[in-house]
Amino acid sequence: MQWKGMSAMAMWRKSSYSGNDAGNCIEIAPGIPDFVPVRDSKCPQGPALIFPTAAWAAFVACLAALPIAPRAAQR
């Protein structure tokens, strides 16, 4: 499967940790076999980074394991 030209057809989903303040946000397009496209939500027409599904899952698992304070406490 080639990614070129598929960005417009992708169903992009904004990170649940992104607020409405237009800060540092990413979007992913889940459901595409074998890889996960990631883009900057402030620049939806810009390029997407393409990660193999297993690599993205490992990245998210590492983030979930980090000992960080709850979001509300960080403000």
PDB file of N, CA and C in Angstrom:
ATOM      1  N   MET A   1       0.840  -1.178   0.000  1.00  0.00           N
ATOM      2  CA  MET A   1       0.000   0.000   0.000  1.00  0.00           C
ATOM      3  C   MET A   1       0.884   1.240   0.000  1.00  0.00           C
ATOM      4  N   GLN A   2       0.564   2.198  -0.813  1.00  0.00           N
ATOM      5  CA  GLN A   2       1.311   3.448  -0.860  1.00  0.00           C
ATOM      6  C   GLN A   2       0.516   4.543  -0.179  1.00  0.00           C
ATOM      7  N   TRP A   3       1.233   5.410   0.528  1.00  0.00           N
ATOM      8  CA  TRP A   3       0.584   6.501   1.260  1.00  0.00           C
ATOM      9  C   TRP A   3       0.277   7.688   0.361  1.00  0.00           C
ATOM     10  N   LYS A   4       1.075   7.895  -0.649  1.00  0.00           N
ATOM     11  CA  LYS A   4       0.915   9.074  -1.498  1.00  0.00           C
ATOM     12  C   LYS A   4      -0.516   9.179  -2.017  1.00  0.00           C
ATOM     13  N   GLY A   5      -1.131  10.321  -1.777  1.00  0.00           N
ATOM     14  CA  GLY A   5      -2.488  10.558  -2.237  1.00  0.00           C
ATOM     15  C   GLY A   5      -3.569  10.060  -1.299  1.00  0.00           C
ATOM     16  N   MET A   6      -3.200   9.321  -0.261  1.00  0.00           N
ATOM     17  CA  MET A   6      -4.200   8.785   0.662  1.00  0.00           C
ATOM     18  C   MET A   6      -4.510   9.730   1.815  1.00  0.00           C
ATOM     19  N   SER A   7      -3.678  10.747   2.035  1.00  0.00           N
ATOM     20  CA  SER A   7      -3.866  11.658   3.157  1.00  0.00           C
ATOM     21  C   SER A   7      -5.248  12.299   3.138  1.00  0.00           C
ATOM     22  N   ALA A   8      -5.728  12.664   1.981  1.00  0.00           N
ATOM     23  CA  ALA A   8      -7.037  13.301   1.873  1.00  0.00           C
ATOM     24  C   ALA A   8      -8.168  12.339   2.221  1.00  0.00           C
ATOM     25  N   MET A   9      -7.944  11.047   2.029  1.00  0.00           N
ATOM     26  CA  MET A   9      -8.976  10.049   2.333  1.00  0.00           C
ATOM     27  C   MET A   9      -8.915   9.569   3.777  1.00  0.00           C
ATOM     28  N   ALA A  10      -7.830   9.869   4.472  1.00  0.00           N
ATOM     29  CA  ALA A  10      -7.642   9.384   5.836  1.00  0.00           C
ATOM     30  C   ALA A  10      -8.635  10.049   6.781  1.00  0.00           C
ATOM     31  N   MET A  11      -9.057   9.309   7.779  1.00  0.00           N
ATOM     32  CA  MET A  11      -9.939   9.830   8.823  1.00  0.00           C
ATOM     33  C   MET A  11      -9.053  10.226  10.007  1.00  0.00           C
ATOM     34  N   TRP A  12      -8.645  11.479  10.039  1.00  0.00           N
ATOM     35  CA  TRP A  12      -7.718  11.957  11.047  1.00  0.00           C
ATOM     36  C   TRP A  12      -8.423  12.147  12.383  1.00  0.00           C
ATOM     37  N   ARG A  13      -7.714  11.807  13.462  1.00  0.00           N
ATOM     38  CA  ARG A  13      -8.241  11.935  14.819  1.00  0.00           C
ATOM     39  C   ARG A  13      -7.227  12.692  15.654  1.00  0.00           C
ATOM     40  N   LYS A  14      -7.698  13.743  16.321  1.00  0.00           N
ATOM     41  CA  LYS A  14      -6.823  14.562  17.150  1.00  0.00           C
ATOM     42  C   LYS A  14      -6.551  13.857  18.479  1.00  0.00           C
ATOM     43  N   SER A  15      -5.367  14.055  19.014  1.00  0.00           N
ATOM     44  CA  SER A  15      -4.997  13.468  20.297  1.00  0.00           C
ATOM     45  C   SER A  15      -5.989  13.878  21.378  1.00  0.00           C
ATOM     46  N   SER A  16      -6.357  12.933  22.240  1.00  0.00           N
ATOM     47  CA  SER A  16      -7.286  13.239  23.334  1.00  0.00           C
ATOM     48  C   SER A  16      -6.634  14.153  24.363  1.00  0.00           C
ATOM     49  N   TYR A  17      -5.316  14.292  24.330  1.00  0.00           N
ATOM     50  CA  TYR A  17      -4.607  15.179  25.247  1.00  0.00           C
ATOM     51  C   TYR A  17      -4.455  16.585  24.677  1.00  0.00           C
ATOM     52  N   SER A  18      -4.924  16.814  23.475  1.00  0.00           N
ATOM     53  CA  SER A  18      -4.853  18.136  22.875  1.00  0.00           C
ATOM     54  C   SER A  18      -6.015  18.965  23.375  1.00  0.00           C
ATOM     55  N   GLY A  19      -5.720  20.134  23.849  1.00  0.00           N
ATOM     56  CA  GLY A  19      -6.773  21.021  24.316  1.00  0.00           C
ATOM     57  C   GLY A  19      -7.312  21.870  23.180  1.00  0.00           C
ATOM     58  N   ASN A  20      -8.171  22.795  23.518  1.00  0.00           N
ATOM     59  CA  ASN A  20      -8.737  23.701  22.514  1.00  0.00           C
ATOM     60  C   ASN A  20      -7.914  24.969  22.371  1.00  0.00           C
ATOM     61  N   ASP A  21      -6.727  24.999  22.990  1.00  0.00           N
ATOM     62  CA  ASP A  21      -5.912  26.207  22.978  1.00  0.00           C
ATOM     63  C   ASP A  21      -4.951  26.278  21.796  1.00  0.00           C
ATOM     64  N   ALA A  22      -5.098  25.384  20.824  1.00  0.00           N
ATOM     65  CA  ALA A  22      -4.255  25.361  19.617  1.00  0.00           C
ATOM     66  C   ALA A  22      -2.780  25.205  19.957  1.00  0.00           C
ATOM     67  N   GLY A  23      -2.488  24.431  20.968  1.00  0.00           N
ATOM     68  CA  GLY A  23      -1.106  24.204  21.381  1.00  0.00           C
ATOM     69  C   GLY A  23      -0.439  23.154  20.527  1.00  0.00           C
ATOM     70  N   ASN A  24       0.474  22.423  21.125  1.00  0.00           N
ATOM     71  CA  ASN A  24       1.216  21.378  20.428  1.00  0.00           C
ATOM     72  C   ASN A  24       0.325  20.145  20.282  1.00  0.00           C
ATOM     73  N   CYS A  25      -0.258  19.966  19.123  1.00  0.00           N
ATOM     74  CA  CYS A  25      -1.215  18.888  18.906  1.00  0.00           C
ATOM     75  C   CYS A  25      -0.783  17.998  17.744  1.00  0.00           C
ATOM     76  N   ILE A  26      -1.126  16.740  17.865  1.00  0.00           N
ATOM     77  CA  ILE A  26      -0.916  15.829  16.744  1.00  0.00           C
ATOM     78  C   ILE A  26      -2.232  15.168  16.399  1.00  0.00           C
ATOM     79  N   GLU A  27      -2.295  14.656  15.191  1.00  0.00           N
ATOM     80  CA  GLU A  27      -3.425  13.858  14.734  1.00  0.00           C
ATOM     81  C   GLU A  27      -2.872  12.566  14.167  1.00  0.00           C
ATOM     82  N   ILE A  28      -3.633  11.494  14.323  1.00  0.00           N
ATOM     83  CA  ILE A  28      -3.263  10.225  13.704  1.00  0.00           C
ATOM     84  C   ILE A  28      -4.425   9.779  12.815  1.00  0.00           C
ATOM     85  N   ALA A  29      -4.122   8.932  11.870  1.00  0.00           N
ATOM     86  CA  ALA A  29      -5.140   8.352  10.996  1.00  0.00           C
ATOM     87  C   ALA A  29      -5.138   6.838  11.232  1.00  0.00           C
ATOM     88  N   PRO A  30      -5.888   6.383  12.249  1.00  0.00           N
ATOM     89  CA  PRO A  30      -5.900   4.955  12.553  1.00  0.00           C
ATOM     90  C   PRO A  30      -6.657   4.155  11.496  1.00  0.00           C
ATOM     91  N   GLY A  31      -6.448   2.864  11.510  1.00  0.00           N
ATOM     92  CA  GLY A  31      -7.192   1.983  10.614  1.00  0.00           C
ATOM     93  C   GLY A  31      -6.545   1.725   9.274  1.00  0.00           C
ATOM     94  N   ILE A  32      -5.344   2.220   9.069  1.00  0.00           N
ATOM     95  CA  ILE A  32      -4.633   1.974   7.816  1.00  0.00           C
ATOM     96  C   ILE A  32      -3.700   0.785   8.050  1.00  0.00           C
ATOM     97  N   PRO A  33      -3.824  -0.272   7.281  1.00  0.00           N
ATOM     98  CA  PRO A  33      -3.010  -1.472   7.520  1.00  0.00           C
ATOM     99  C   PRO A  33      -1.507  -1.189   7.481  1.00  0.00           C
ATOM    100  N   ASP A  34      -0.814  -1.751   8.437  1.00  0.00           N
ATOM    101  CA  ASP A  34       0.655  -1.782   8.481  1.00  0.00           C
ATOM    102  C   ASP A  34       1.347  -0.504   8.923  1.00  0.00           C
ATOM    103  N   PHE A  35       0.656   0.635   8.987  1.00  0.00           N
ATOM    104  CA  PHE A  35       1.328   1.835   9.447  1.00  0.00           C
ATOM    105  C   PHE A  35       0.350   2.848  10.035  1.00  0.00           C
ATOM    106  N   VAL A  36       0.914   3.815  10.785  1.00  0.00           N
ATOM    107  CA  VAL A  36       0.120   4.875  11.410  1.00  0.00           C
ATOM    108  C   VAL A  36       0.673   6.221  10.952  1.00  0.00           C
ATOM    109  N   PRO A  37      -0.100   6.970  10.182  1.00  0.00           N
ATOM    110  CA  PRO A  37       0.310   8.316   9.790  1.00  0.00           C
ATOM    111  C   PRO A  37       0.068   9.290  10.951  1.00  0.00           C
ATOM    112  N   VAL A  38       1.004  10.220  11.144  1.00  0.00           N
ATOM    113  CA  VAL A  38       0.914  11.223  12.206  1.00  0.00           C
ATOM    114  C   VAL A  38       1.212  12.578  11.577  1.00  0.00           C
ATOM    115  N   ARG A  39       0.411  13.591  11.936  1.00  0.00           N
ATOM    116  CA  ARG A  39       0.656  14.932  11.386  1.00  0.00           C
ATOM    117  C   ARG A  39       0.428  15.994  12.458  1.00  0.00           C
ATOM    118  N   ASP A  40       0.892  17.181  12.189  1.00  0.00           N
ATOM    119  CA  ASP A  40       0.699  18.339  13.054  1.00  0.00           C
ATOM    120  C   ASP A  40      -0.696  18.888  12.788  1.00  0.00           C
ATOM    121  N   SER A  41      -1.527  18.976  13.825  1.00  0.00           N
ATOM    122  CA  SER A  41      -2.905  19.425  13.619  1.00  0.00           C
ATOM    123  C   SER A  41      -2.991  20.890  13.207  1.00  0.00           C
ATOM    124  N   LYS A  42      -1.947  21.665  13.486  1.00  0.00           N
ATOM    125  CA  LYS A  42      -1.952  23.073  13.078  1.00  0.00           C
ATOM    126  C   LYS A  42      -1.630  23.244  11.605  1.00  0.00           C
ATOM    127  N   CYS A  43      -1.146  22.176  10.977  1.00  0.00           N
ATOM    128  CA  CYS A  43      -0.752  22.235   9.569  1.00  0.00           C
ATOM    129  C   CYS A  43      -1.267  20.979   8.847  1.00  0.00           C
ATOM    130  N   PRO A  44      -2.594  20.823   8.740  1.00  0.00           N
ATOM    131  CA  PRO A  44      -3.138  19.587   8.175  1.00  0.00           C
ATOM    132  C   PRO A  44      -2.769  19.335   6.719  1.00  0.00           C
ATOM    133  N   GLN A  45      -2.394  20.362   5.987  1.00  0.00           N
ATOM    134  CA  GLN A  45      -1.993  20.167   4.593  1.00  0.00           C
ATOM    135  C   GLN A  45      -0.516  19.833   4.467  1.00  0.00           C
ATOM    136  N   GLY A  46       0.193  19.883   5.598  1.00  0.00           N
ATOM    137  CA  GLY A  46       1.626  19.601   5.591  1.00  0.00           C
ATOM    138  C   GLY A  46       1.896  18.103   5.526  1.00  0.00           C
ATOM    139  N   PRO A  47       3.151  17.734   5.674  1.00  0.00           N
ATOM    140  CA  PRO A  47       3.524  16.322   5.564  1.00  0.00           C
ATOM    141  C   PRO A  47       3.074  15.509   6.771  1.00  0.00           C
ATOM    142  N   ALA A  48       2.975  14.218   6.574  1.00  0.00           N
ATOM    143  CA  ALA A  48       2.679  13.280   7.655  1.00  0.00           C
ATOM    144  C   ALA A  48       3.898  12.387   7.854  1.00  0.00           C
ATOM    145  N   LEU A  49       4.168  12.067   9.108  1.00  0.00           N
ATOM    146  CA  LEU A  49       5.191  11.075   9.412  1.00  0.00           C
ATOM    147  C   LEU A  49       4.505   9.718   9.410  1.00  0.00           C
ATOM    148  N   ILE A  50       5.147   8.723   8.825  1.00  0.00           N
ATOM    149  CA  ILE A  50       4.561   7.394   8.709  1.00  0.00           C
ATOM    150  C   ILE A  50       5.360   6.428   9.576  1.00  0.00           C
ATOM    151  N   PHE A  51       4.676   5.804  10.543  1.00  0.00           N
ATOM    152  CA  PHE A  51       5.322   4.849  11.435  1.00  0.00           C
ATOM    153  C   PHE A  51       4.748   3.456  11.221  1.00  0.00           C
ATOM    154  N   PRO A  52       5.594   2.423  11.248  1.00  0.00           N
ATOM    155  CA  PRO A  52       5.065   1.064  11.237  1.00  0.00           C
ATOM    156  C   PRO A  52       4.161   0.879  12.468  1.00  0.00           C
ATOM    157  N   THR A  53       3.088   0.131  12.312  1.00  0.00           N
ATOM    158  CA  THR A  53       2.114  -0.048  13.391  1.00  0.00           C
ATOM    159  C   THR A  53       2.776  -0.531  14.683  1.00  0.00           C
ATOM    160  N   ALA A  54       3.680  -1.496  14.597  1.00  0.00           N
ATOM    161  CA  ALA A  54       4.340  -2.019  15.793  1.00  0.00           C
ATOM    162  C   ALA A  54       5.196  -0.952  16.471  1.00  0.00           C
ATOM    163  N   ALA A  55       5.876  -0.122  15.702  1.00  0.00           N
ATOM    164  CA  ALA A  55       6.705   0.936  16.270  1.00  0.00           C
ATOM    165  C   ALA A  55       5.835   1.973  16.979  1.00  0.00           C
ATOM    166  N   TRP A  56       4.707   2.336  16.380  1.00  0.00           N
ATOM    167  CA  TRP A  56       3.797   3.305  17.005  1.00  0.00           C
ATOM    168  C   TRP A  56       3.234   2.735  18.304  1.00  0.00           C
ATOM    169  N   ALA A  57       2.841   1.461  18.295  1.00  0.00           N
ATOM    170  CA  ALA A  57       2.308   0.824  19.504  1.00  0.00           C
ATOM    171  C   ALA A  57       3.350   0.816  20.619  1.00  0.00           C
ATOM    172  N   ALA A  58       4.606   0.544  20.288  1.00  0.00           N
ATOM    173  CA  ALA A  58       5.677   0.545  21.282  1.00  0.00           C
ATOM    174  C   ALA A  58       5.898   1.956  21.840  1.00  0.00           C
ATOM    175  N   PHE A  59       5.855   2.960  20.983  1.00  0.00           N
ATOM    176  CA  PHE A  59       6.007   4.355  21.398  1.00  0.00           C
ATOM    177  C   PHE A  59       4.902   4.754  22.371  1.00  0.00           C
ATOM    178  N   VAL A  60       3.659   4.447  22.024  1.00  0.00           N
ATOM    179  CA  VAL A  60       2.525   4.792  22.879  1.00  0.00           C
ATOM    180  C   VAL A  60       2.611   4.044  24.210  1.00  0.00           C
ATOM    181  N   ALA A  61       3.022   2.782  24.184  1.00  0.00           N
ATOM    182  CA  ALA A  61       3.168   2.004  25.424  1.00  0.00           C
ATOM    183  C   ALA A  61       4.226   2.628  26.335  1.00  0.00           C
ATOM    184  N   CYS A  62       5.327   3.097  25.761  1.00  0.00           N
ATOM    185  CA  CYS A  62       6.371   3.757  26.554  1.00  0.00           C
ATOM    186  C   CYS A  62       5.851   5.052  27.173  1.00  0.00           C
ATOM    187  N   LEU A  63       5.099   5.817  26.407  1.00  0.00           N
ATOM    188  CA  LEU A  63       4.531   7.055  26.947  1.00  0.00           C
ATOM    189  C   LEU A  63       3.561   6.762  28.084  1.00  0.00           C
ATOM    190  N   ALA A  64       2.739   5.735  27.915  1.00  0.00           N
ATOM    191  CA  ALA A  64       1.763   5.379  28.941  1.00  0.00           C
ATOM    192  C   ALA A  64       2.433   4.927  30.227  1.00  0.00           C
ATOM    193  N   ALA A  65       3.641   4.404  30.137  1.00  0.00           N
ATOM    194  CA  ALA A  65       4.352   3.906  31.315  1.00  0.00           C
ATOM    195  C   ALA A  65       5.125   4.997  32.057  1.00  0.00           C
ATOM    196  N   LEU A  66       5.210   6.190  31.489  1.00  0.00           N
ATOM    197  CA  LEU A  66       5.958   7.270  32.137  1.00  0.00           C
ATOM    198  C   LEU A  66       5.247   7.724  33.403  1.00  0.00           C
ATOM    199  N   PRO A  67       6.007   7.963  34.464  1.00  0.00           N
ATOM    200  CA  PRO A  67       5.399   8.460  35.709  1.00  0.00           C
ATOM    201  C   PRO A  67       5.253   9.980  35.660  1.00  0.00           C
ATOM    202  N   ILE A  68       4.150  10.453  35.096  1.00  0.00           N
ATOM    203  CA  ILE A  68       3.932  11.901  34.997  1.00  0.00           C
ATOM    204  C   ILE A  68       2.726  12.292  35.818  1.00  0.00           C
ATOM    205  N   ALA A  69       2.675  13.567  36.179  1.00  0.00           N
ATOM    206  CA  ALA A  69       1.555  14.074  36.954  1.00  0.00           C
ATOM    207  C   ALA A  69       0.311  14.139  36.081  1.00  0.00           C
ATOM    208  N   PRO A  70      -0.863  14.033  36.683  1.00  0.00           N
ATOM    209  CA  PRO A  70      -2.103  14.192  35.905  1.00  0.00           C
ATOM    210  C   PRO A  70      -2.120  15.548  35.215  1.00  0.00           C
ATOM    211  N   ARG A  71      -2.770  15.608  34.083  1.00  0.00           N
ATOM    212  CA  ARG A  71      -2.803  16.831  33.263  1.00  0.00           C
ATOM    213  C   ARG A  71      -3.287  18.045  34.043  1.00  0.00           C
ATOM    214  N   ALA A  72      -4.321  17.905  34.830  1.00  0.00           N
ATOM    215  CA  ALA A  72      -4.877  19.035  35.570  1.00  0.00           C
ATOM    216  C   ALA A  72      -3.849  19.608  36.553  1.00  0.00           C
ATOM    217  N   ALA A  73      -3.001  18.771  37.105  1.00  0.00           N
ATOM    218  CA  ALA A  73      -2.005  19.215  38.064  1.00  0.00           C
ATOM    219  C   ALA A  73      -0.847  19.946  37.394  1.00  0.00           C
ATOM    220  N   GLN A  74      -0.686  19.797  36.111  1.00  0.00           N
ATOM    221  CA  GLN A  74       0.420  20.428  35.392  1.00  0.00           C
ATOM    222  C   GLN A  74       0.142  21.874  35.050  1.00  0.00           C
ATOM    223  N   ARG A  75      -1.069  22.323  35.147  1.00  0.00           N
ATOM    224  CA  ARG A  75      -1.427  23.691  34.758  1.00  0.00           C
ATOM    225  C   ARG A  75      -1.084  24.685  35.818  1.00  0.00           C
TER     226      ARG A  75
END
